[in-house]
Amino acid sequence: MKSLHLVKTSTGATWAFRVMRDLVQMGEDVHVAMPVDGILVQQYKDAGIVIHELNYSMKSAFSTISKIREVVDEVKPDIIHSHFVLTTLLMRMALRKHNIARVFEVPGPLHLEHAIYQNADLWTAQKKRDFWIPTCQWSMDKYKACGIDDSRLFLTYYGGDLVDREYQKGVLRNELGLTDKDIIVGMVAYMYAPKKYLGEKRGLKGHEDLIDAVAMIQDKYPNMHLVFIGGPWVGAEKYEQEVIAYGKEKVRNVHFLGTRRNVPDLYQDFDMVVHPSHSENLGGAAESLMLAVPTIASNVGGFPDIVIPGKTGYLSEPFNPMSIAKAIEKVIANPAEAKQMAEYGKAYLHDLLNAKKTSKDVYDFYRLIKERFDENNTR
C-alpha cells in the first residue's frame, strides 16, 4: 500500500518518523511531504522514505493548499496520513474533492481541550473519507463523546525504540559536582512559550509549576537540586530566558542544561523525574519509565495510561505546585518503593510501547481503513 504522510517539521516529531521507517521495513511504499531544512532529513532518506518538499503555513494557506494538491496528484497514494492538527486542516481544505482515505494520527489532546480547535477538527472531516488514530485513551474517549463512530477510530500509542543497553551512570553528577548524597529532581522537556490566544499564562510543559513546587520544600532538603534539560522550542528563546530567571530567583540549587544529546545517560543520575505538563499525550513519561526512573506526572491526557499510582509512578494535579511537592516528598521518603515501581513501569511498557508493535498496529489499521473507505464509497 502506498501512503503519503504530512509532517510539519523535519527537526522534531521522531515518533512520526519511526512509524514511517517501520512501514517501509514492512514493505510499504512510504512518501512524506515536509520541510527539508531539519536535522532528520537524512534519516528519512536513509530509511527509504521518499521526501516531497512542503512547508505548511496558515498565513499562506492558498499556496500551501495548492502544493498539497500537487504532491497528492503526483504520488497518487492509497491513504494519506496526517500527523498534526495544522497539516490535517490544510489537507482537508485542499482535498475536499479528492476521493482518498485520510487518517489523522492525533499527537495529543490539546486541540480537543479548546472548543474552536476541536470544532475545526470535527467540522472539516468528511464522514466517508476521514478517520482518526488517537494515541491515548483520553483522546479516544473524547472523540467518542463528540459522536465519532467506533468504525472511524483506531487507538494505538507512539512507540519507542527499546534498546536494552547499559547507560553511563555518574555523568550528570560529575558535570555538576554533586555526590550520591545529593537529591536530583529532573525535568526533560522543550520550553514552549504560553499561547496567549488559548488563555495560557504559563508554558504548556509546566516548568514554572515545578520551580514553585521545589521552592516550597527546598528548606527541608538543602541537598536537593533541580535540573532542567531541554532548550526552547522554535521561537521560544525569550520565554526560555524568563523561565531561567524565574528559576534562579525562586530556587537555590537549580541548573539549566539546555538541549542535550545524551539524555538517557543523564537520566541515570535522576532520583526522580517530574512531568508537570498542563496538557499532554504520553509525553516524556514514556521515556523516563522505559529507563526505569521514578516518575511523577500530572493527571492529564495520556499520562494516566502509563503512570499508574501505586504501580508505575505518581500522579499530581495539574497547575498545582503543592501537589507536585507532595509527590516529590513521597519519592524522597520511599526511594526503594519508587525505584521498584519504575522497574515495573519499564517492564509494563516494554511491549505496550514497542515501536515495532505500534507501527504494526498502524499497518493493520491501514487495511481496515481502506476496507471501510471502500465500503462507504459503494453505498
Protein backbone atom coordinates (compact mmCIF):
# COMPACT_ATOMS: atom_id res chain seq x y z
CA MET A 1 0.00 0.00 0.00
CA LYS A 2 1.24 3.49 -0.82
CA SER A 3 0.91 6.08 1.95
CA LEU A 4 1.62 9.81 1.92
CA HIS A 5 2.46 11.34 5.31
CA LEU A 6 2.05 15.02 6.14
CA VAL A 7 4.54 16.28 8.75
CA LYS A 8 5.13 19.94 9.56
CA THR A 9 8.72 19.59 10.80
CA SER A 10 11.91 17.78 9.88
CA THR A 11 13.56 18.78 13.17
CA GLY A 12 11.29 17.01 15.67
CA ALA A 13 8.41 14.52 15.62
CA THR A 14 10.69 11.48 15.70
CA TRP A 15 7.61 9.45 16.66
CA ALA A 16 6.18 10.07 13.17
CA PHE A 17 9.49 9.12 11.58
CA ARG A 18 9.58 5.81 13.45
CA VAL A 19 6.15 4.85 12.11
CA MET A 20 7.22 5.60 8.53
CA ARG A 21 10.56 3.82 8.92
CA ASP A 22 8.88 0.69 10.22
CA LEU A 23 6.21 0.78 7.49
CA VAL A 24 8.99 0.77 4.88
CA GLN A 25 10.55 -2.23 6.61
CA MET A 26 7.17 -3.99 6.36
CA GLY A 27 7.19 -3.48 2.61
CA GLU A 28 5.07 -0.33 2.32
CA ASP A 29 5.67 2.40 -0.25
CA VAL A 30 6.04 5.45 2.01
CA HIS A 31 6.18 9.11 0.99
CA VAL A 32 6.35 12.19 3.22
CA ALA A 33 5.58 15.85 2.48
CA MET A 34 7.53 18.06 4.88
CA PRO A 35 10.06 20.91 5.14
CA VAL A 36 13.58 19.87 4.16
CA ASP A 37 15.62 22.16 6.40
CA GLY A 38 15.78 19.96 9.51
CA ILE A 39 18.29 17.58 11.04
CA LEU A 40 16.14 14.48 10.42
CA VAL A 41 16.05 14.74 6.62
CA GLN A 42 18.98 12.38 6.11
CA GLN A 43 17.41 9.81 8.43
CA TYR A 44 14.27 9.84 6.30
CA LYS A 45 16.33 9.29 3.18
CA ASP A 46 18.38 6.52 4.76
CA ALA A 47 15.16 4.78 5.79
CA GLY A 48 13.93 4.65 2.18
CA ILE A 49 11.17 7.22 2.63
CA VAL A 50 10.51 9.39 -0.44
CA ILE A 51 10.57 13.09 0.52
CA HIS A 52 8.49 15.83 -1.11
CA GLU A 53 9.30 19.37 0.00
CA LEU A 54 6.33 21.15 1.53
CA ASN A 55 6.22 23.98 4.06
CA TYR A 56 2.92 24.29 5.93
CA SER A 57 1.53 27.70 6.81
CA MET A 58 -1.92 29.07 7.58
CA LYS A 59 -0.59 32.53 6.73
CA SER A 60 -0.01 31.40 3.15
CA ALA A 61 -2.81 28.84 3.16
CA PHE A 62 -3.68 29.15 -0.53
CA SER A 63 -0.17 28.33 -1.73
CA THR A 64 0.14 25.51 0.84
CA ILE A 65 -3.18 24.04 -0.28
CA SER A 66 -2.09 24.22 -3.90
CA LYS A 67 1.17 22.46 -3.08
CA ILE A 68 -0.62 19.70 -1.16
CA ARG A 69 -2.77 19.02 -4.21
CA GLU A 70 0.30 18.89 -6.45
CA VAL A 71 2.02 16.35 -4.20
CA VAL A 72 -1.10 14.20 -3.88
CA ASP A 73 -1.66 14.22 -7.65
CA GLU A 74 1.99 13.24 -8.17
CA VAL A 75 2.14 10.47 -5.55
CA LYS A 76 -1.40 9.07 -6.02
CA PRO A 77 -1.45 7.47 -2.54
CA ASP A 78 -3.88 4.84 -1.33
CA ILE A 79 -4.08 6.61 2.02
CA ILE A 80 -2.99 10.00 3.39
CA HIS A 81 -1.68 10.04 6.94
CA SER A 82 -1.51 13.42 8.71
CA HIS A 83 0.41 13.82 11.98
CA PHE A 84 -0.54 17.34 13.16
CA VAL A 85 -3.65 19.49 13.56
CA LEU A 86 -2.24 22.08 11.14
CA THR A 87 -1.42 19.55 8.44
CA THR A 88 -4.81 17.91 8.91
CA LEU A 89 -6.83 21.09 8.49
CA LEU A 90 -4.83 22.15 5.44
CA MET A 91 -5.13 18.65 3.96
CA ARG A 92 -8.90 18.64 4.34
CA MET A 93 -9.24 22.08 2.78
CA ALA A 94 -7.01 21.05 -0.10
CA LEU A 95 -8.64 17.70 -0.81
CA ARG A 96 -12.36 18.33 -0.49
CA LYS A 97 -12.90 16.89 -3.97
CA HIS A 98 -10.25 14.15 -3.81
CA ASN A 99 -11.72 10.73 -3.07
CA ILE A 100 -8.88 9.33 -0.93
CA ALA A 101 -8.91 7.77 2.55
CA ARG A 102 -7.41 10.17 5.09
CA VAL A 103 -6.28 9.48 8.63
CA PHE A 104 -5.31 11.93 11.36
CA GLU A 105 -2.96 10.37 13.92
CA VAL A 106 -3.70 12.62 16.89
CA PRO A 107 -0.43 13.73 18.54
CA GLY A 108 -2.08 14.90 21.75
CA PRO A 109 -5.29 16.15 23.35
CA LEU A 110 -4.55 19.89 23.36
CA HIS A 111 -6.79 20.85 20.42
CA LEU A 112 -9.63 18.76 21.88
CA GLU A 113 -9.47 20.82 25.08
CA HIS A 114 -10.38 24.04 23.25
CA ALA A 115 -13.77 24.36 21.55
CA ILE A 116 -12.60 26.34 18.49
CA TYR A 117 -9.90 23.83 17.53
CA GLN A 118 -11.99 20.81 18.46
CA ASN A 119 -14.79 22.04 16.22
CA ALA A 120 -12.35 22.81 13.42
CA ASP A 121 -11.20 19.18 13.54
CA LEU A 122 -14.72 17.74 13.65
CA TRP A 123 -16.40 20.08 11.17
CA THR A 124 -13.77 19.79 8.44
CA ALA A 125 -13.89 15.99 8.46
CA GLN A 126 -15.93 14.13 5.84
CA LYS A 127 -17.82 11.09 7.06
CA LYS A 128 -16.85 8.80 4.19
CA ARG A 129 -13.19 9.81 3.97
CA ASP A 130 -11.79 10.78 7.37
CA PHE A 131 -10.54 8.51 10.14
CA TRP A 132 -8.60 9.08 13.37
CA ILE A 133 -5.83 7.29 15.25
CA PRO A 134 -5.95 8.66 18.82
CA THR A 135 -2.70 7.96 20.69
CA CYS A 136 -4.06 7.94 24.23
CA GLN A 137 -7.28 6.76 25.85
CA TRP A 138 -8.36 10.30 26.78
CA SER A 139 -8.40 11.37 23.12
CA MET A 140 -10.18 8.16 22.11
CA ASP A 141 -12.91 8.77 24.68
CA LYS A 142 -13.22 12.44 23.68
CA TYR A 143 -13.84 11.61 20.02
CA LYS A 144 -16.48 9.07 21.03
CA ALA A 145 -18.14 11.66 23.26
CA CYS A 146 -18.19 14.02 20.27
CA GLY A 147 -20.16 11.47 18.29
CA ILE A 148 -17.45 9.89 16.14
CA ASP A 149 -18.36 6.28 15.37
CA ASP A 150 -16.10 3.46 16.57
CA SER A 151 -15.58 2.34 12.97
CA ARG A 152 -13.60 5.54 12.31
CA LEU A 153 -11.39 5.36 15.42
CA PHE A 154 -8.25 3.26 15.95
CA LEU A 155 -6.36 3.52 19.24
CA THR A 156 -2.63 2.92 19.47
CA TYR A 157 0.35 4.60 21.14
CA TYR A 158 3.51 6.20 19.85
CA GLY A 159 6.18 3.55 20.13
CA GLY A 160 9.80 3.97 21.10
CA ASP A 161 12.96 2.11 20.16
CA LEU A 162 13.53 -0.13 23.15
CA VAL A 163 17.22 -0.89 23.15
CA ASP A 164 18.32 -2.84 26.20
CA ARG A 165 21.73 -1.36 26.76
CA GLU A 166 23.67 -0.07 29.71
CA TYR A 167 23.78 3.69 30.07
CA GLN A 168 26.57 5.51 31.82
CA LYS A 169 25.86 6.47 35.42
CA GLY A 170 27.57 9.42 37.07
CA VAL A 171 27.81 11.70 34.03
CA LEU A 172 25.40 14.31 35.38
CA ARG A 173 26.68 14.28 38.96
CA ASN A 174 30.27 14.64 37.76
CA GLU A 175 29.29 17.52 35.49
CA LEU A 176 27.50 19.37 38.30
CA GLY A 177 29.97 18.43 41.02
CA LEU A 178 27.36 16.51 43.02
CA THR A 179 27.67 13.37 45.14
CA ASP A 180 25.38 10.38 45.61
CA LYS A 181 24.00 12.05 48.74
CA ASP A 182 22.55 14.91 46.70
CA ILE A 183 18.93 14.56 45.58
CA ILE A 184 18.36 15.34 41.90
CA VAL A 185 14.85 16.23 40.77
CA GLY A 186 14.88 16.35 36.97
CA MET A 187 12.67 17.56 34.17
CA VAL A 188 13.27 16.85 30.47
CA ALA A 189 11.20 18.90 28.04
CA TYR A 190 11.45 21.64 25.46
CA MET A 191 10.19 25.02 26.62
CA TYR A 192 7.00 26.06 24.84
CA ALA A 193 6.00 29.69 25.30
CA PRO A 194 2.47 30.29 26.60
CA LYS A 195 -0.14 30.57 23.84
CA LYS A 196 -1.91 33.76 24.84
CA TYR A 197 -4.72 33.12 22.33
CA LEU A 198 -5.54 29.94 24.27
CA GLY A 199 -5.52 31.81 27.56
CA GLU A 200 -2.25 30.23 28.73
CA LYS A 201 -0.33 32.19 31.35
CA ARG A 202 2.41 29.63 31.87
CA GLY A 203 4.19 27.33 29.46
CA LEU A 204 2.46 24.16 28.37
CA LYS A 205 5.06 21.86 29.97
CA GLY A 206 4.69 23.38 33.44
CA HIS A 207 8.29 24.43 34.11
CA GLU A 208 7.14 27.24 36.42
CA ASP A 209 4.92 24.86 38.41
CA LEU A 210 7.87 22.59 39.15
CA ILE A 211 10.01 25.57 40.16
CA ASP A 212 7.29 26.66 42.60
CA ALA A 213 6.97 23.10 43.97
CA VAL A 214 10.69 22.78 44.70
CA ALA A 215 10.77 26.27 46.21
CA MET A 216 8.11 25.16 48.72
CA ILE A 217 10.20 22.30 50.13
CA GLN A 218 13.82 23.24 49.46
CA ASP A 219 14.46 24.34 53.05
CA LYS A 220 13.64 20.79 54.25
CA TYR A 221 16.09 19.29 51.75
CA PRO A 222 19.16 21.53 51.39
CA ASN A 223 20.88 18.85 49.30
CA MET A 224 18.08 18.84 46.69
CA HIS A 225 18.97 20.03 43.18
CA LEU A 226 16.53 20.87 40.39
CA VAL A 227 17.83 20.07 36.91
CA PHE A 228 16.14 21.12 33.65
CA ILE A 229 17.16 19.53 30.36
CA GLY A 230 15.75 20.97 27.15
CA GLY A 231 16.06 24.27 25.37
CA PRO A 232 13.46 26.49 23.74
CA TRP A 233 11.11 25.15 21.11
CA VAL A 234 11.08 27.13 17.86
CA GLY A 235 10.62 30.83 18.64
CA ALA A 236 10.58 30.45 22.44
CA GLU A 237 14.04 31.87 23.18
CA LYS A 238 12.63 34.85 25.12
CA TYR A 239 10.41 32.55 27.16
CA GLU A 240 13.41 30.31 27.96
CA GLN A 241 15.25 33.28 29.45
CA GLU A 242 12.18 34.16 31.52
CA VAL A 243 12.00 30.63 32.91
CA ILE A 244 15.71 30.62 33.72
CA ALA A 245 15.41 33.95 35.54
CA TYR A 246 12.36 32.75 37.45
CA GLY A 247 14.07 29.51 38.43
CA LYS A 248 17.19 31.24 39.71
CA GLU A 249 15.05 33.70 41.67
CA LYS A 250 12.97 31.01 43.41
CA VAL A 251 15.30 28.00 43.82
CA ARG A 252 18.78 27.96 45.33
CA ASN A 253 20.09 24.83 43.63
CA VAL A 254 18.80 24.97 40.07
CA HIS A 255 20.60 24.00 36.86
CA PHE A 256 19.52 24.65 33.26
CA LEU A 257 21.43 22.41 30.86
CA GLY A 258 19.72 23.34 27.59
CA THR A 259 19.30 20.85 24.75
CA ARG A 260 21.44 17.77 25.19
CA ARG A 261 22.05 14.71 23.01
CA ASN A 262 22.96 12.29 25.82
CA VAL A 263 19.66 12.44 27.71
CA PRO A 264 19.45 8.68 28.51
CA ASP A 265 22.85 8.88 30.22
CA LEU A 266 21.82 11.99 32.19
CA TYR A 267 18.60 10.29 33.29
CA GLN A 268 20.67 7.69 35.17
CA ASP A 269 21.52 10.20 37.90
CA PHE A 270 17.99 11.47 38.48
CA ASP A 271 16.48 10.39 41.78
CA MET A 272 13.16 11.20 40.12
CA VAL A 273 11.80 12.99 37.08
CA VAL A 274 8.74 15.24 37.03
CA HIS A 275 6.47 15.83 34.03
CA PRO A 276 4.17 18.68 35.19
CA SER A 277 2.51 19.32 31.80
CA HIS A 278 -0.81 21.14 31.56
CA SER A 279 -1.80 19.10 28.51
CA GLU A 280 0.00 16.03 27.23
CA ASN A 281 -0.19 12.74 25.41
CA LEU A 282 2.22 10.19 26.94
CA GLY A 283 4.98 12.77 26.76
CA GLY A 284 8.31 12.25 28.44
CA ALA A 285 6.80 9.81 30.95
CA ALA A 286 7.21 7.05 28.38
CA GLU A 287 10.94 7.75 28.13
CA SER A 288 11.55 8.01 31.87
CA LEU A 289 9.66 4.80 32.64
CA MET A 290 11.42 2.93 29.84
CA LEU A 291 14.64 3.94 31.60
CA ALA A 292 13.23 2.85 34.99
CA VAL A 293 13.49 6.33 36.53
CA PRO A 294 10.97 7.12 39.33
CA THR A 295 8.32 9.18 37.56
CA ILE A 296 5.87 11.87 38.65
CA ALA A 297 3.40 13.20 36.06
CA SER A 298 0.37 15.46 36.08
CA ASN A 299 -3.02 13.80 35.87
CA VAL A 300 -3.82 14.93 32.32
CA GLY A 301 -4.26 13.41 28.87
CA GLY A 302 -2.40 10.18 28.27
CA PHE A 303 -0.19 10.24 31.38
CA PRO A 304 -2.62 8.06 33.39
CA ASP A 305 -2.41 5.40 30.66
CA ILE A 306 1.14 4.59 31.76
CA VAL A 307 1.76 6.38 35.09
CA ILE A 308 -0.41 4.27 37.34
CA PRO A 309 -0.39 5.36 41.00
CA GLY A 310 0.92 2.65 43.28
CA LYS A 311 2.15 0.55 40.35
CA THR A 312 4.37 2.53 37.96
CA GLY A 313 4.65 6.03 39.40
CA TYR A 314 2.91 9.02 40.94
CA LEU A 315 0.29 11.42 39.59
CA SER A 316 -0.01 15.05 40.70
CA GLU A 317 -2.76 17.51 39.97
CA PRO A 318 -2.11 19.88 37.03
CA PHE A 319 -1.43 23.56 37.72
CA ASN A 320 -0.81 22.59 41.37
CA PRO A 321 2.74 23.08 42.74
CA MET A 322 1.70 21.86 46.20
CA SER A 323 0.52 18.54 44.72
CA ILE A 324 3.85 18.20 42.88
CA ALA A 325 5.78 18.99 46.08
CA LYS A 326 3.91 16.26 47.97
CA ALA A 327 4.73 13.72 45.26
CA ILE A 328 8.41 14.70 45.35
CA GLU A 329 8.46 14.18 49.11
CA LYS A 330 6.89 10.73 48.70
CA VAL A 331 9.77 9.69 46.45
CA ILE A 332 12.35 11.13 48.82
CA ALA A 333 10.78 9.28 51.75
CA ASN A 334 10.42 5.97 49.89
CA PRO A 335 13.27 5.65 47.37
CA ALA A 336 13.24 1.83 47.23
CA GLU A 337 9.48 1.74 46.60
CA ALA A 338 9.77 4.44 43.95
CA LYS A 339 12.52 2.53 42.15
CA GLN A 340 10.55 -0.71 42.32
CA MET A 341 7.55 0.97 40.68
CA ALA A 342 9.78 2.44 37.98
CA GLU A 343 11.19 -1.00 37.22
CA TYR A 344 7.67 -2.37 36.94
CA GLY A 345 6.82 0.55 34.64
CA LYS A 346 9.74 -0.37 32.39
CA ALA A 347 8.51 -3.96 32.10
CA TYR A 348 4.92 -2.81 31.55
CA LEU A 349 5.89 -0.52 28.67
CA HIS A 350 8.30 -2.94 27.02
CA ASP A 351 5.52 -4.43 24.91
CA LEU A 352 2.90 -1.67 25.08
CA LEU A 353 5.18 0.98 23.57
CA ASN A 354 7.45 -1.14 21.42
CA ALA A 355 7.72 0.73 18.11
CA LYS A 356 7.56 -2.49 16.11
CA LYS A 357 4.20 -3.32 17.72
CA THR A 358 2.69 0.16 17.42
CA SER A 359 3.85 0.50 13.80
CA LYS A 360 2.31 -2.89 13.04
CA ASP A 361 -0.91 -1.53 14.56
CA VAL A 362 -0.81 1.31 12.01
CA TYR A 363 -0.07 -1.17 9.20
CA ASP A 364 -3.15 -3.17 10.20
CA PHE A 365 -5.26 -0.03 10.63
CA TYR A 366 -4.49 0.97 7.04
CA ARG A 367 -6.10 -2.24 5.81
CA LEU A 368 -9.20 -1.68 7.94
CA ILE A 369 -9.43 1.98 6.96
CA LYS A 370 -9.12 1.19 3.26
CA GLU A 371 -11.74 -1.56 3.60
CA ARG A 372 -14.21 0.75 5.36
CA PHE A 373 -13.43 3.59 2.96
CA ASP A 374 -14.21 1.33 0.00
CA GLU A 375 -17.42 0.14 1.69
CA ASN A 376 -18.53 3.75 2.27
CA ASN A 377 -17.95 4.59 -1.36
CA THR A 378 -20.00 1.69 -2.70
CA ARG A 379 -23.10 2.67 -0.75
